[in-house]
Amino acid sequence: MKRRIGLLTSGGDCPGLNAAIRGVAKAAYEMFDAEIVGISDGYSGLIHGEYREMSSRDFSGILTRGGTILGTSRQPFSEMRVIGEDQVDKVRAMKDNYKWMKLDCLVTLGGNGTHKTAKLLSDEGMNVIGLPKTIDNDIWGTDVTFGFHTAADIATEIIDRLHTTADSHGRVMVVEIMGNKAGWLTLQAGMAGGADVILLPEIPYDIDKVAKTVNARNKNGKGFTIIAVAEGARSIEEQGMKKKELFANPYRTAAHRVAEQVAARTGAECRAVVPGHIQRGGSPSSYDRVLSTRFGVHAAELIRDEKYGVSVALIGDKVTSNPLDKVAGITKLVPPDHQMVRTAKQIGITFGD
């Protein structure tokens, strides 16, 4: 049995992509006669026919390497069926190049947008398998995505380091954690890092309640406060605002907005910290190296068994898969009554609600 497998990584990079790529390739080589085609820069490479033949040597030494050896780009799903100024029919081009590359199947590594396009290609008759990657951990149907644990470790260390400088100067440190729609990363890192306030996109906050927490800590002799805020968090007043209005000033991030508002209400010295892409860079953690490998190996098993139109998932401790039409386009959000939220509240963490 011979299988010619196309691999592409799409959307934002994150730790674990190379480990997953390695897992697919090494397992495929072991299980059957495999040819691996590396498609450059995500769906852009599939649209424009940019690829390279790969050998087993290409997958050596990449387990610990961050980023992606294939390159990546963002191709908004909303524009996939839109013919732009270049007059390229993207869907037709991807179908034609899939055939031109003589692929038996395509493995797409990415987040929600990547999975929506994967389903589109599956619906168009291609053999597609998705691997759930994102530091946001917001893909439906899987307990965890690879990249999340590494980013959580990094964000936790950032919060840890802010404690000492906040304590030394008696400041309020407002640290912005990645996550535009889902607050899993902020919740995880905020709890692990001992934040006093956690602000999530799923729980609109009352800035006066946040300020009340800061004042209460000062009154009780705790001269500093750590606020972990997701980049997509909004106050009750901001809920009705459009994104363009909210971010009219691109430098006025969620952290800066909260810091300004808290300073105005408390008189405390506030600092906004935006670590940004530091959270998605560097080598994957041991957890993500193993998870990515498990996901990659399961993808190879699915290829061997010719089971396509699915996305790999971790449910409990079992690696399995879900039909793409059951998970694509569904964002896994933090329920406001989630056990982790309740646990955080029970130890005094404020969510501003």
Protein backbone atom coordinates (compact mmCIF):
# COMPACT_ATOMS: atom_id res chain seq x y z
CA MET A 1 0.00 0.00 0.00
CA LYS A 2 1.42 3.35 -1.03
CA ARG A 3 0.20 6.69 0.25
CA ARG A 4 1.30 10.14 -0.91
CA ILE A 5 0.61 12.52 1.97
CA GLY A 6 0.46 16.30 1.81
CA LEU A 7 1.25 18.22 5.01
CA LEU A 8 0.54 21.88 5.67
CA THR A 9 0.51 24.15 8.72
CA SER A 10 -1.90 27.07 8.70
CA GLY A 11 -2.73 30.03 10.93
CA GLY A 12 -0.57 31.19 13.81
CA ASP A 13 2.52 29.18 14.68
CA CYS A 14 2.88 27.47 18.03
CA PRO A 15 5.14 25.01 19.84
CA GLY A 16 4.47 21.41 18.83
CA LEU A 17 3.85 21.84 15.11
CA ASN A 18 7.15 20.25 14.15
CA ALA A 19 6.66 17.47 16.67
CA ALA A 20 3.28 16.67 15.11
CA ILE A 21 4.72 16.80 11.58
CA ARG A 22 7.45 14.42 12.73
CA GLY A 23 4.87 12.12 14.33
CA VAL A 24 2.86 11.83 11.11
CA ALA A 25 5.91 11.20 8.94
CA LYS A 26 7.78 8.75 11.16
CA ALA A 27 4.66 6.69 11.87
CA ALA A 28 3.69 6.68 8.18
CA TYR A 29 7.15 5.44 7.19
CA GLU A 30 6.83 2.65 9.74
CA MET A 31 3.28 1.60 8.83
CA PHE A 32 3.24 1.71 5.03
CA ASP A 33 4.98 2.87 1.88
CA ALA A 34 4.74 6.62 2.33
CA GLU A 35 5.72 9.65 0.31
CA ILE A 36 5.56 13.00 2.14
CA VAL A 37 4.91 16.30 0.39
CA GLY A 38 5.54 19.46 2.39
CA ILE A 39 3.24 22.28 1.29
CA SER A 40 4.69 25.74 1.92
CA ASP A 41 3.06 28.46 3.98
CA GLY A 42 -0.30 26.90 4.71
CA TYR A 43 -3.22 27.05 2.33
CA SER A 44 -1.35 29.68 0.35
CA GLY A 45 1.04 26.95 -0.81
CA LEU A 46 -1.86 24.72 -1.78
CA ILE A 47 -3.49 27.56 -3.71
CA HIS A 48 -0.30 28.45 -5.59
CA GLY A 49 1.19 24.97 -5.93
CA GLU A 50 4.24 25.58 -3.75
CA TYR A 51 5.59 22.36 -2.26
CA ARG A 52 8.64 20.14 -1.90
CA GLU A 53 9.26 16.43 -1.77
CA MET A 54 10.48 15.44 1.68
CA SER A 55 12.59 12.54 2.95
CA SER A 56 13.08 10.94 6.36
CA ARG A 57 16.07 13.22 6.95
CA ASP A 58 13.77 16.25 6.97
CA PHE A 59 12.05 14.97 10.09
CA SER A 60 15.17 14.39 12.20
CA GLY A 61 16.04 16.85 14.94
CA ILE A 62 12.75 18.78 14.83
CA LEU A 63 10.99 17.33 17.90
CA THR A 64 12.19 20.17 20.13
CA ARG A 65 12.08 22.92 17.52
CA GLY A 66 9.43 25.63 17.78
CA GLY A 67 7.54 27.14 14.86
CA THR A 68 7.05 25.09 11.70
CA ILE A 69 9.55 23.85 9.14
CA LEU A 70 6.85 24.17 6.47
CA GLY A 71 6.08 27.83 7.07
CA THR A 72 2.59 29.15 7.73
CA SER A 73 0.22 31.96 6.82
CA ARG A 74 -3.30 33.10 7.55
CA GLN A 75 -5.87 32.58 4.81
CA PRO A 76 -9.22 33.78 6.22
CA PHE A 77 -11.96 31.21 5.67
CA SER A 78 -14.41 34.00 4.83
CA GLU A 79 -12.34 34.80 1.73
CA MET A 80 -11.82 31.25 0.47
CA ARG A 81 -14.71 31.45 -2.00
CA VAL A 82 -14.06 35.10 -2.84
CA ILE A 83 -12.19 35.77 -6.08
CA GLY A 84 -9.91 38.73 -5.48
CA GLU A 85 -7.99 41.08 -7.73
CA ASP A 86 -5.64 38.27 -8.73
CA GLN A 87 -8.65 36.48 -10.28
CA VAL A 88 -7.67 33.23 -8.55
CA ASP A 89 -10.49 30.83 -7.67
CA LYS A 90 -8.92 29.57 -4.45
CA VAL A 91 -11.07 26.48 -4.00
CA ARG A 92 -10.64 25.41 -7.61
CA ALA A 93 -6.88 26.04 -7.35
CA MET A 94 -6.57 23.92 -4.21
CA LYS A 95 -8.50 21.07 -5.83
CA ASP A 96 -6.41 21.25 -8.98
CA ASN A 97 -3.11 21.38 -7.06
CA TYR A 98 -4.18 18.48 -4.84
CA LYS A 99 -4.51 16.43 -8.03
CA TRP A 100 -1.39 17.92 -9.63
CA MET A 101 0.68 16.98 -6.55
CA LYS A 102 -0.81 13.48 -6.88
CA LEU A 103 -1.86 13.45 -3.24
CA ASP A 104 -3.78 10.58 -1.72
CA CYS A 105 -4.62 12.71 1.32
CA LEU A 106 -3.95 16.01 3.01
CA VAL A 107 -3.11 16.57 6.70
CA THR A 108 -3.82 20.11 7.90
CA LEU A 109 -2.37 21.33 11.19
CA GLY A 110 -4.14 24.37 12.55
CA GLY A 111 -6.86 26.03 14.56
CA ASN A 112 -10.50 26.92 13.97
CA GLY A 113 -10.04 28.69 10.64
CA THR A 114 -7.83 25.88 9.38
CA HIS A 115 -10.46 23.32 10.36
CA LYS A 116 -13.22 25.21 8.56
CA THR A 117 -11.20 25.20 5.36
CA ALA A 118 -10.33 21.53 5.93
CA LYS A 119 -14.04 20.74 6.03
CA LEU A 120 -14.59 22.77 2.87
CA LEU A 121 -11.91 20.72 1.08
CA SER A 122 -13.36 17.50 2.45
CA ASP A 123 -16.78 18.53 1.13
CA GLU A 124 -15.11 19.15 -2.24
CA GLY A 125 -14.01 15.52 -2.37
CA MET A 126 -10.47 15.61 -0.97
CA ASN A 127 -9.21 13.17 1.65
CA VAL A 128 -8.47 15.43 4.63
CA ILE A 129 -7.40 14.90 8.24
CA GLY A 130 -7.13 17.79 10.72
CA LEU A 131 -4.72 18.08 13.62
CA PRO A 132 -5.91 20.54 16.33
CA LYS A 133 -3.28 23.16 17.00
CA THR A 134 -3.76 26.41 18.92
CA ILE A 135 -2.51 28.01 22.10
CA ASP A 136 -6.11 29.15 22.70
CA ASN A 137 -7.34 25.55 23.30
CA ASP A 138 -10.63 26.54 21.70
CA ILE A 139 -11.26 23.76 19.16
CA TRP A 140 -14.47 21.89 19.79
CA GLY A 141 -14.37 18.14 20.45
CA THR A 142 -10.90 17.84 21.96
CA ASP A 143 -9.99 18.28 25.61
CA VAL A 144 -6.76 19.98 24.66
CA THR A 145 -4.92 21.23 21.59
CA PHE A 146 -1.18 20.99 21.17
CA GLY A 147 0.61 24.25 21.87
CA PHE A 148 -1.70 25.19 24.73
CA HIS A 149 0.32 23.70 27.58
CA THR A 150 3.57 25.29 26.43
CA ALA A 151 1.95 28.71 26.08
CA ALA A 152 0.36 28.29 29.52
CA ASP A 153 3.76 27.51 31.01
CA ILE A 154 5.28 30.60 29.38
CA ALA A 155 2.41 32.86 30.44
CA THR A 156 2.62 31.49 33.98
CA GLU A 157 6.33 32.30 34.14
CA ILE A 158 5.61 35.82 32.92
CA ILE A 159 3.10 36.30 35.75
CA ASP A 160 5.56 34.77 38.23
CA ARG A 161 8.19 37.31 37.25
CA LEU A 162 5.75 40.20 37.54
CA HIS A 163 5.06 39.34 41.18
CA THR A 164 8.50 40.42 42.39
CA THR A 165 8.59 43.73 40.54
CA ALA A 166 4.98 44.49 41.47
CA ASP A 167 5.72 43.80 45.13
CA SER A 168 8.92 45.85 45.10
CA HIS A 169 7.19 48.95 43.71
CA GLY A 170 3.71 48.49 45.14
CA ARG A 171 2.19 48.48 41.69
CA VAL A 172 -0.80 47.05 39.90
CA MET A 173 0.54 44.92 37.04
CA VAL A 174 -1.95 44.25 34.24
CA VAL A 175 -0.63 41.45 32.02
CA GLU A 176 -2.33 40.67 28.73
CA ILE A 177 -2.55 37.00 27.78
CA MET A 178 -3.36 35.84 24.25
CA GLY A 179 -6.93 34.75 23.55
CA ASN A 180 -9.34 36.87 21.53
CA LYS A 181 -12.52 34.81 21.84
CA ALA A 182 -11.65 32.12 24.38
CA GLY A 183 -10.08 32.64 27.80
CA TRP A 184 -8.64 29.18 28.50
CA LEU A 185 -5.04 30.39 28.38
CA THR A 186 -5.68 33.37 30.66
CA LEU A 187 -7.64 31.21 33.10
CA GLN A 188 -4.94 28.53 33.25
CA ALA A 189 -2.00 30.92 33.54
CA GLY A 190 -3.85 33.28 35.87
CA MET A 191 -4.62 30.52 38.33
CA ALA A 192 -1.17 28.94 38.07
CA GLY A 193 0.56 32.31 38.43
CA GLY A 194 -1.48 33.45 41.41
CA ALA A 195 -3.24 36.38 39.73
CA ASP A 196 -5.64 38.33 41.94
CA VAL A 197 -7.96 39.27 39.07
CA ILE A 198 -8.68 37.27 35.89
CA LEU A 199 -10.64 38.88 33.06
CA LEU A 200 -11.97 36.64 30.29
CA PRO A 201 -13.79 37.26 26.98
CA GLU A 202 -16.62 35.02 28.17
CA ILE A 203 -17.31 37.00 31.36
CA PRO A 204 -17.91 40.75 30.80
CA TYR A 205 -16.39 42.60 33.73
CA ASP A 206 -17.39 45.58 35.81
CA ILE A 207 -14.28 47.76 36.10
CA ASP A 208 -15.58 49.18 39.39
CA LYS A 209 -15.49 45.68 40.89
CA VAL A 210 -11.92 45.26 39.67
CA ALA A 211 -10.98 48.57 41.27
CA LYS A 212 -12.73 47.49 44.47
CA THR A 213 -10.45 44.43 44.62
CA VAL A 214 -7.36 46.60 44.21
CA ASN A 215 -8.50 48.96 46.98
CA ALA A 216 -9.34 46.05 49.28
CA ARG A 217 -5.88 44.54 48.82
CA ASN A 218 -4.24 47.89 49.57
CA LYS A 219 -6.39 48.31 52.67
CA ASN A 220 -5.38 44.84 53.86
CA GLY A 221 -1.70 45.64 53.53
CA LYS A 222 -1.15 43.86 50.24
CA GLY A 223 0.49 46.66 48.34
CA PHE A 224 0.33 45.17 44.88
CA THR A 225 -2.16 43.44 42.57
CA ILE A 226 -1.72 41.16 39.57
CA ILE A 227 -4.44 41.34 36.92
CA ALA A 228 -4.41 38.75 34.10
CA VAL A 229 -6.55 39.95 31.20
CA ALA A 230 -7.27 38.10 27.97
CA GLU A 231 -6.68 40.18 24.86
CA GLY A 232 -10.35 39.79 23.93
CA ALA A 233 -11.78 40.63 27.36
CA ARG A 234 -14.36 43.41 27.44
CA SER A 235 -16.11 45.35 30.14
CA ILE A 236 -19.89 45.41 30.40
CA GLU A 237 -19.87 48.83 28.68
CA GLU A 238 -17.61 47.60 25.88
CA GLN A 239 -19.80 44.63 24.96
CA GLY A 240 -21.78 46.59 22.40
CA MET A 241 -18.76 48.19 20.77
CA LYS A 242 -17.46 47.11 17.40
CA LYS A 243 -13.90 45.86 17.21
CA LYS A 244 -12.78 48.80 15.07
CA GLU A 245 -14.17 51.21 17.64
CA LEU A 246 -12.68 49.34 20.57
CA PHE A 247 -9.23 49.24 18.99
CA ALA A 248 -9.33 52.63 17.28
CA ASN A 249 -5.89 53.15 18.78
CA PRO A 250 -3.95 49.95 18.00
CA TYR A 251 -1.65 50.53 20.97
CA ARG A 252 -4.54 50.77 23.42
CA THR A 253 -4.76 47.08 24.13
CA ALA A 254 -7.02 45.37 26.66
CA ALA A 255 -4.22 45.61 29.23
CA HIS A 256 -3.75 49.33 28.62
CA ARG A 257 -7.48 49.99 28.83
CA VAL A 258 -7.77 48.15 32.15
CA ALA A 259 -4.63 49.77 33.56
CA GLU A 260 -5.88 53.26 32.70
CA GLN A 261 -9.32 52.61 34.17
CA VAL A 262 -8.00 51.06 37.39
CA ALA A 263 -5.50 53.89 37.87
CA ALA A 264 -8.26 56.48 37.45
CA ARG A 265 -10.47 54.78 40.04
CA THR A 266 -7.88 53.85 42.66
CA GLY A 267 -4.97 56.23 42.26
CA ALA A 268 -2.70 53.19 42.20
CA GLU A 269 0.39 53.08 40.02
CA CYS A 270 -0.54 50.71 37.19
CA ARG A 271 1.59 49.14 34.49
CA ALA A 272 0.37 47.29 31.40
CA VAL A 273 2.47 44.36 30.20
CA VAL A 274 1.87 42.81 26.79
CA PRO A 275 4.17 39.81 26.21
CA GLY A 276 2.44 39.04 22.91
CA HIS A 277 4.08 36.48 20.65
CA ILE A 278 6.56 35.41 23.30
CA GLN A 279 3.72 33.13 24.42
CA ARG A 280 3.68 31.19 21.16
CA GLY A 281 7.42 31.00 20.49
CA GLY A 282 10.19 28.63 21.42
CA SER A 283 10.52 24.93 22.15
CA PRO A 284 7.46 22.86 23.11
CA SER A 285 7.08 21.50 26.63
CA SER A 286 7.46 17.79 27.29
CA TYR A 287 3.66 17.52 27.46
CA ASP A 288 3.20 19.09 24.03
CA ARG A 289 6.01 17.04 22.50
CA VAL A 290 4.24 13.86 23.57
CA LEU A 291 0.73 15.08 22.70
CA SER A 292 1.83 16.27 19.25
CA THR A 293 3.52 12.95 18.61
CA ARG A 294 0.42 11.02 19.69
CA PHE A 295 -1.76 13.16 17.43
CA GLY A 296 0.62 12.70 14.49
CA VAL A 297 0.79 8.93 14.94
CA HIS A 298 -3.00 8.69 15.11
CA ALA A 299 -3.24 10.68 11.88
CA ALA A 300 -0.96 8.11 10.23
CA GLU A 301 -3.20 5.33 11.55
CA LEU A 302 -6.23 7.05 10.03
CA ILE A 303 -4.40 7.32 6.70
CA ARG A 304 -3.51 3.63 6.86
CA ASP A 305 -7.17 2.80 7.51
CA GLU A 306 -8.39 5.32 4.90
CA LYS A 307 -10.52 7.20 7.42
CA TYR A 308 -10.78 10.76 6.22
CA GLY A 309 -12.93 13.82 6.85
CA VAL A 310 -12.00 13.83 10.53
CA SER A 311 -10.02 15.81 13.09
CA VAL A 312 -7.81 14.10 15.66
CA ALA A 313 -8.77 14.71 19.30
CA LEU A 314 -7.84 13.87 22.87
CA ILE A 315 -10.81 12.82 24.99
CA GLY A 316 -9.87 11.80 28.50
CA ASP A 317 -6.58 10.01 27.97
CA LYS A 318 -7.56 8.49 24.62
CA VAL A 319 -6.51 9.86 21.25
CA THR A 320 -9.43 9.51 18.86
CA SER A 321 -11.09 11.57 16.11
CA ASN A 322 -14.23 13.55 15.35
CA PRO A 323 -15.96 14.14 12.01
CA LEU A 324 -14.92 17.52 10.64
CA ASP A 325 -18.56 18.50 10.19
CA LYS A 326 -19.08 18.05 13.95
CA VAL A 327 -16.22 20.32 15.07
CA ALA A 328 -15.31 22.77 12.31
CA GLY A 329 -16.52 26.29 12.97
CA ILE A 330 -17.48 25.66 16.60
CA THR A 331 -15.44 27.59 19.17
CA LYS A 332 -14.93 25.98 22.56
CA LEU A 333 -15.45 28.80 25.06
CA VAL A 334 -14.97 28.91 28.82
CA PRO A 335 -18.40 28.40 30.44
CA PRO A 336 -18.88 31.12 33.09
CA ASP A 337 -19.81 28.38 35.58
CA HIS A 338 -16.89 26.11 34.66
CA GLN A 339 -15.36 24.26 37.60
CA MET A 340 -12.03 26.08 37.15
CA VAL A 341 -13.83 29.43 37.36
CA ARG A 342 -15.67 28.32 40.48
CA THR A 343 -12.43 27.04 42.01
CA ALA A 344 -10.71 30.36 41.32
CA LYS A 345 -13.54 32.31 42.92
CA GLN A 346 -13.42 30.04 45.96
CA ILE A 347 -9.83 31.12 46.63
CA GLY A 348 -10.66 34.80 46.24
CA ILE A 349 -9.83 35.50 42.60
CA THR A 350 -12.05 38.20 41.10
CA PHE A 351 -13.49 37.96 37.58
CA GLY A 352 -15.18 41.36 37.72
CA ASP A 353 -18.66 39.94 37.40
